[in-house]
N, C-alpha and C. Protein backbone atom coordinates (compact mmCIF):
# COMPACT_ATOMS: atom_id res chain seq x y z
N MET A 1 5.49 15.44 0.97
CA MET A 1 5.83 15.55 2.38
C MET A 1 7.32 15.28 2.59
N ILE A 2 7.82 14.20 2.01
CA ILE A 2 9.23 13.85 2.17
C ILE A 2 10.11 14.93 1.55
N ALA A 3 9.75 15.38 0.36
CA ALA A 3 10.55 16.41 -0.31
C ALA A 3 10.59 17.68 0.53
N GLN A 4 9.47 18.04 1.12
CA GLN A 4 9.42 19.23 1.97
C GLN A 4 10.30 19.07 3.20
N LEU A 5 10.25 17.89 3.79
CA LEU A 5 11.07 17.62 4.97
C LEU A 5 12.56 17.69 4.62
N LYS A 6 12.94 17.06 3.50
CA LYS A 6 14.34 17.08 3.08
C LYS A 6 14.80 18.50 2.80
N GLU A 7 13.94 19.28 2.17
CA GLU A 7 14.30 20.67 1.86
C GLU A 7 14.45 21.48 3.15
N ALA A 8 13.60 21.22 4.11
CA ALA A 8 13.63 21.98 5.36
C ALA A 8 14.85 21.67 6.21
N VAL A 9 15.27 20.40 6.22
CA VAL A 9 16.35 20.02 7.14
C VAL A 9 17.66 19.70 6.44
N GLY A 10 17.64 19.48 5.15
CA GLY A 10 18.84 19.10 4.42
C GLY A 10 18.99 17.59 4.35
N ASP A 11 19.78 17.15 3.40
CA ASP A 11 19.91 15.71 3.14
C ASP A 11 20.51 14.94 4.32
N ASP A 12 21.58 15.45 4.90
CA ASP A 12 22.23 14.73 6.00
C ASP A 12 21.32 14.61 7.21
N ALA A 13 20.67 15.70 7.56
CA ALA A 13 19.75 15.66 8.71
C ALA A 13 18.56 14.76 8.42
N PHE A 14 18.11 14.76 7.17
CA PHE A 14 17.00 13.88 6.81
C PHE A 14 17.37 12.42 7.03
N VAL A 15 18.55 12.04 6.60
CA VAL A 15 18.99 10.65 6.76
C VAL A 15 19.06 10.30 8.25
N ARG A 16 19.58 11.21 9.07
CA ARG A 16 19.63 10.95 10.51
C ARG A 16 18.22 10.82 11.09
N LEU A 17 17.31 11.70 10.70
CA LEU A 17 15.93 11.63 11.18
C LEU A 17 15.26 10.33 10.73
N ARG A 18 15.46 9.98 9.47
CA ARG A 18 14.89 8.74 8.94
C ARG A 18 15.40 7.53 9.71
N ASP A 19 16.70 7.48 9.92
CA ASP A 19 17.29 6.34 10.62
C ASP A 19 16.80 6.26 12.07
N LYS A 20 16.66 7.39 12.72
CA LYS A 20 16.14 7.41 14.09
C LYS A 20 14.68 6.96 14.12
N CYS A 21 13.90 7.41 13.15
CA CYS A 21 12.50 6.99 13.05
C CYS A 21 12.41 5.48 12.85
N ILE A 22 13.25 4.95 11.99
CA ILE A 22 13.24 3.50 11.73
C ILE A 22 13.57 2.74 13.01
N ALA A 23 14.61 3.19 13.71
CA ALA A 23 15.00 2.51 14.96
C ALA A 23 13.91 2.59 16.01
N ASN A 24 13.36 3.78 16.21
CA ASN A 24 12.30 3.96 17.21
C ASN A 24 11.04 3.19 16.84
N SER A 25 10.67 3.21 15.58
CA SER A 25 9.46 2.52 15.13
C SER A 25 9.62 1.01 15.26
N THR A 26 10.79 0.50 14.90
CA THR A 26 11.04 -0.93 15.03
C THR A 26 10.92 -1.35 16.50
N GLU A 27 11.54 -0.58 17.37
CA GLU A 27 11.48 -0.87 18.81
C GLU A 27 10.03 -0.84 19.32
N ARG A 28 9.27 0.15 18.89
CA ARG A 28 7.88 0.28 19.36
C ARG A 28 6.97 -0.80 18.77
N LEU A 29 7.21 -1.18 17.53
CA LEU A 29 6.42 -2.28 16.95
C LEU A 29 6.66 -3.58 17.72
N ASP A 30 7.91 -3.82 18.08
CA ASP A 30 8.24 -5.02 18.87
C ASP A 30 7.58 -4.94 20.25
N ALA A 31 7.66 -3.78 20.88
CA ALA A 31 7.06 -3.60 22.21
C ALA A 31 5.54 -3.71 22.14
N LEU A 32 4.96 -3.19 21.07
CA LEU A 32 3.52 -3.29 20.87
C LEU A 32 3.09 -4.75 20.79
N SER A 33 3.82 -5.54 20.03
CA SER A 33 3.50 -6.96 19.90
C SER A 33 3.62 -7.68 21.24
N ALA A 34 4.66 -7.34 21.99
CA ALA A 34 4.85 -7.96 23.30
C ALA A 34 3.73 -7.55 24.27
N ALA A 35 3.35 -6.29 24.24
CA ALA A 35 2.27 -5.82 25.11
C ALA A 35 0.95 -6.50 24.75
N MET A 36 0.71 -6.69 23.46
CA MET A 36 -0.51 -7.36 23.02
C MET A 36 -0.51 -8.80 23.50
N ALA A 37 0.64 -9.45 23.42
CA ALA A 37 0.75 -10.84 23.87
C ALA A 37 0.49 -10.97 25.37
N SER A 38 0.84 -9.93 26.13
CA SER A 38 0.62 -9.96 27.58
C SER A 38 -0.83 -9.67 27.95
N GLY A 39 -1.59 -9.14 26.98
CA GLY A 39 -3.01 -8.87 27.21
C GLY A 39 -3.32 -7.54 27.88
N ASP A 40 -2.34 -6.66 27.95
CA ASP A 40 -2.55 -5.36 28.60
C ASP A 40 -2.78 -4.29 27.55
N ALA A 41 -4.01 -3.82 27.45
CA ALA A 41 -4.40 -2.90 26.38
C ALA A 41 -3.83 -1.50 26.53
N ASP A 42 -3.58 -1.05 27.77
CA ASP A 42 -3.10 0.33 27.95
C ASP A 42 -1.76 0.59 27.27
N PRO A 43 -0.73 -0.26 27.50
CA PRO A 43 0.51 -0.01 26.76
C PRO A 43 0.37 -0.21 25.26
N VAL A 44 -0.52 -1.09 24.85
CA VAL A 44 -0.77 -1.28 23.42
C VAL A 44 -1.20 0.04 22.80
N ARG A 45 -2.13 0.70 23.43
CA ARG A 45 -2.63 1.98 22.90
C ARG A 45 -1.55 3.07 22.97
N ALA A 46 -0.75 3.04 24.01
CA ALA A 46 0.34 4.03 24.14
C ALA A 46 1.37 3.85 23.02
N TYR A 47 1.75 2.60 22.75
CA TYR A 47 2.69 2.35 21.66
C TYR A 47 2.08 2.73 20.32
N ALA A 48 0.81 2.45 20.13
CA ALA A 48 0.14 2.82 18.88
C ALA A 48 0.13 4.33 18.70
N HIS A 49 -0.10 5.05 19.79
CA HIS A 49 -0.10 6.52 19.73
C HIS A 49 1.28 7.04 19.31
N ALA A 50 2.32 6.49 19.91
CA ALA A 50 3.68 6.91 19.56
C ALA A 50 3.99 6.59 18.10
N LEU A 51 3.57 5.42 17.65
CA LEU A 51 3.81 5.03 16.26
C LEU A 51 3.07 5.94 15.29
N ALA A 52 1.86 6.32 15.63
CA ALA A 52 1.10 7.23 14.77
C ALA A 52 1.88 8.52 14.55
N GLY A 53 2.44 9.05 15.61
CA GLY A 53 3.22 10.28 15.50
C GLY A 53 4.49 10.11 14.70
N LEU A 54 5.20 9.01 14.93
CA LEU A 54 6.43 8.76 14.20
C LEU A 54 6.19 8.65 12.70
N PHE A 55 5.20 7.86 12.33
CA PHE A 55 4.93 7.67 10.90
C PHE A 55 4.32 8.92 10.26
N ALA A 56 3.56 9.68 11.02
CA ALA A 56 2.97 10.91 10.49
C ALA A 56 4.04 11.91 10.08
N GLN A 57 5.15 11.94 10.81
CA GLN A 57 6.23 12.87 10.50
C GLN A 57 6.79 12.65 9.09
N PHE A 58 6.64 11.44 8.59
CA PHE A 58 7.16 11.11 7.26
C PHE A 58 6.05 10.94 6.24
N GLY A 59 4.83 11.36 6.59
CA GLY A 59 3.72 11.32 5.64
C GLY A 59 3.24 9.93 5.32
N MET A 60 3.47 8.99 6.20
CA MET A 60 3.07 7.60 5.96
C MET A 60 1.66 7.40 6.51
N VAL A 61 0.71 7.88 5.74
CA VAL A 61 -0.68 7.98 6.16
C VAL A 61 -1.30 6.62 6.48
N ALA A 62 -1.04 5.61 5.68
CA ALA A 62 -1.65 4.30 5.90
C ALA A 62 -1.23 3.72 7.25
N VAL A 63 0.04 3.88 7.60
CA VAL A 63 0.52 3.35 8.88
C VAL A 63 -0.03 4.20 10.03
N GLU A 64 -0.05 5.50 9.84
CA GLU A 64 -0.62 6.38 10.87
C GLU A 64 -2.08 6.00 11.12
N GLN A 65 -2.84 5.77 10.06
CA GLN A 65 -4.26 5.40 10.23
C GLN A 65 -4.41 4.05 10.91
N ALA A 66 -3.53 3.11 10.60
CA ALA A 66 -3.57 1.80 11.27
C ALA A 66 -3.29 1.97 12.76
N ALA A 67 -2.36 2.84 13.09
CA ALA A 67 -2.06 3.10 14.51
C ALA A 67 -3.23 3.78 15.20
N ARG A 68 -3.87 4.72 14.54
CA ARG A 68 -5.04 5.40 15.13
C ARG A 68 -6.18 4.40 15.34
N ALA A 69 -6.30 3.43 14.44
CA ALA A 69 -7.34 2.40 14.59
C ALA A 69 -7.09 1.56 15.84
N VAL A 70 -5.82 1.28 16.13
CA VAL A 70 -5.49 0.53 17.36
C VAL A 70 -5.86 1.37 18.58
N GLU A 71 -5.55 2.64 18.54
CA GLU A 71 -5.89 3.53 19.67
C GLU A 71 -7.38 3.50 19.98
N ALA A 72 -8.21 3.40 18.94
CA ALA A 72 -9.66 3.47 19.11
C ALA A 72 -10.32 2.11 19.29
N ALA A 73 -9.61 1.04 19.00
CA ALA A 73 -10.22 -0.29 18.98
C ALA A 73 -10.56 -0.80 20.38
N GLU A 74 -11.64 -1.53 20.43
CA GLU A 74 -12.06 -2.23 21.65
C GLU A 74 -11.99 -3.72 21.38
N GLU A 75 -11.94 -4.50 22.44
CA GLU A 75 -12.01 -5.96 22.27
C GLU A 75 -13.38 -6.27 21.69
N PRO A 76 -13.51 -7.22 20.85
CA PRO A 76 -12.54 -8.23 20.43
C PRO A 76 -11.71 -7.82 19.21
N LEU A 77 -11.83 -6.58 18.76
CA LEU A 77 -11.14 -6.16 17.54
C LEU A 77 -9.71 -5.68 17.77
N LEU A 78 -9.31 -5.50 19.02
CA LEU A 78 -7.98 -4.96 19.29
C LEU A 78 -6.88 -5.83 18.71
N SER A 79 -6.95 -7.11 18.88
CA SER A 79 -5.91 -8.01 18.39
C SER A 79 -5.76 -7.92 16.87
N ALA A 80 -6.86 -7.88 16.16
CA ALA A 80 -6.81 -7.79 14.70
C ALA A 80 -6.24 -6.45 14.24
N THR A 81 -6.60 -5.38 14.94
CA THR A 81 -6.06 -4.07 14.54
C THR A 81 -4.57 -3.97 14.84
N VAL A 82 -4.13 -4.60 15.92
CA VAL A 82 -2.70 -4.62 16.22
C VAL A 82 -1.96 -5.40 15.13
N ALA A 83 -2.47 -6.55 14.75
CA ALA A 83 -1.83 -7.34 13.69
C ALA A 83 -1.73 -6.54 12.41
N SER A 84 -2.78 -5.81 12.08
CA SER A 84 -2.77 -4.99 10.88
C SER A 84 -1.72 -3.88 10.99
N LEU A 85 -1.63 -3.25 12.15
CA LEU A 85 -0.64 -2.19 12.35
C LEU A 85 0.77 -2.75 12.23
N VAL A 86 1.04 -3.88 12.83
CA VAL A 86 2.38 -4.47 12.76
C VAL A 86 2.76 -4.77 11.31
N GLU A 87 1.84 -5.36 10.57
CA GLU A 87 2.12 -5.67 9.16
C GLU A 87 2.31 -4.39 8.34
N THR A 88 1.39 -3.45 8.49
CA THR A 88 1.48 -2.18 7.76
C THR A 88 2.73 -1.41 8.17
N GLY A 89 3.05 -1.45 9.45
CA GLY A 89 4.23 -0.76 9.95
C GLY A 89 5.51 -1.33 9.38
N ARG A 90 5.61 -2.65 9.29
CA ARG A 90 6.82 -3.28 8.73
C ARG A 90 6.98 -2.92 7.25
N ILE A 91 5.86 -2.89 6.53
CA ILE A 91 5.90 -2.48 5.12
C ILE A 91 6.36 -1.02 5.03
N GLY A 92 5.79 -0.18 5.88
CA GLY A 92 6.18 1.23 5.90
C GLY A 92 7.65 1.42 6.20
N LEU A 93 8.18 0.63 7.13
CA LEU A 93 9.60 0.73 7.45
C LEU A 93 10.48 0.34 6.27
N ARG A 94 10.07 -0.68 5.54
CA ARG A 94 10.83 -1.07 4.34
C ARG A 94 10.85 0.08 3.34
N GLN A 95 9.70 0.72 3.17
CA GLN A 95 9.63 1.86 2.23
C GLN A 95 10.47 3.02 2.73
N LEU A 96 10.45 3.26 4.02
CA LEU A 96 11.21 4.35 4.60
C LEU A 96 12.71 4.13 4.42
N ARG A 97 13.15 2.89 4.55
CA ARG A 97 14.58 2.57 4.38
C ARG A 97 15.07 2.91 2.97
N GLU A 98 14.18 2.86 2.01
CA GLU A 98 14.55 3.11 0.61
C GLU A 98 14.68 4.60 0.29
N LEU A 99 14.19 5.46 1.19
CA LEU A 99 14.25 6.90 0.94
C LEU A 99 15.65 7.42 1.23
N ASN A 100 16.15 8.22 0.33
CA ASN A 100 17.47 8.84 0.52
C ASN A 100 17.38 10.33 0.46
């Protein structure tokens, strides 16, 4: 997936896309955590939906699946699925940073 994306857009554009994805994903993971802390499930699901799309663009299936699980989760499992997404997302971001 990454090789195909790099081939389609070129190395420079790939780096710009990657960096934008990292910035947007970091911002959304932080906002997701804050929304979960406030107890409002609607923005939690909206942030999870956005994260699923961002990570899917880079073929990061595990993080995308974690985000989809948050979208589908009901209480009392919502908090645990959010925690899993945040952890998986941070790992995914570290891996994404290593891609050139």
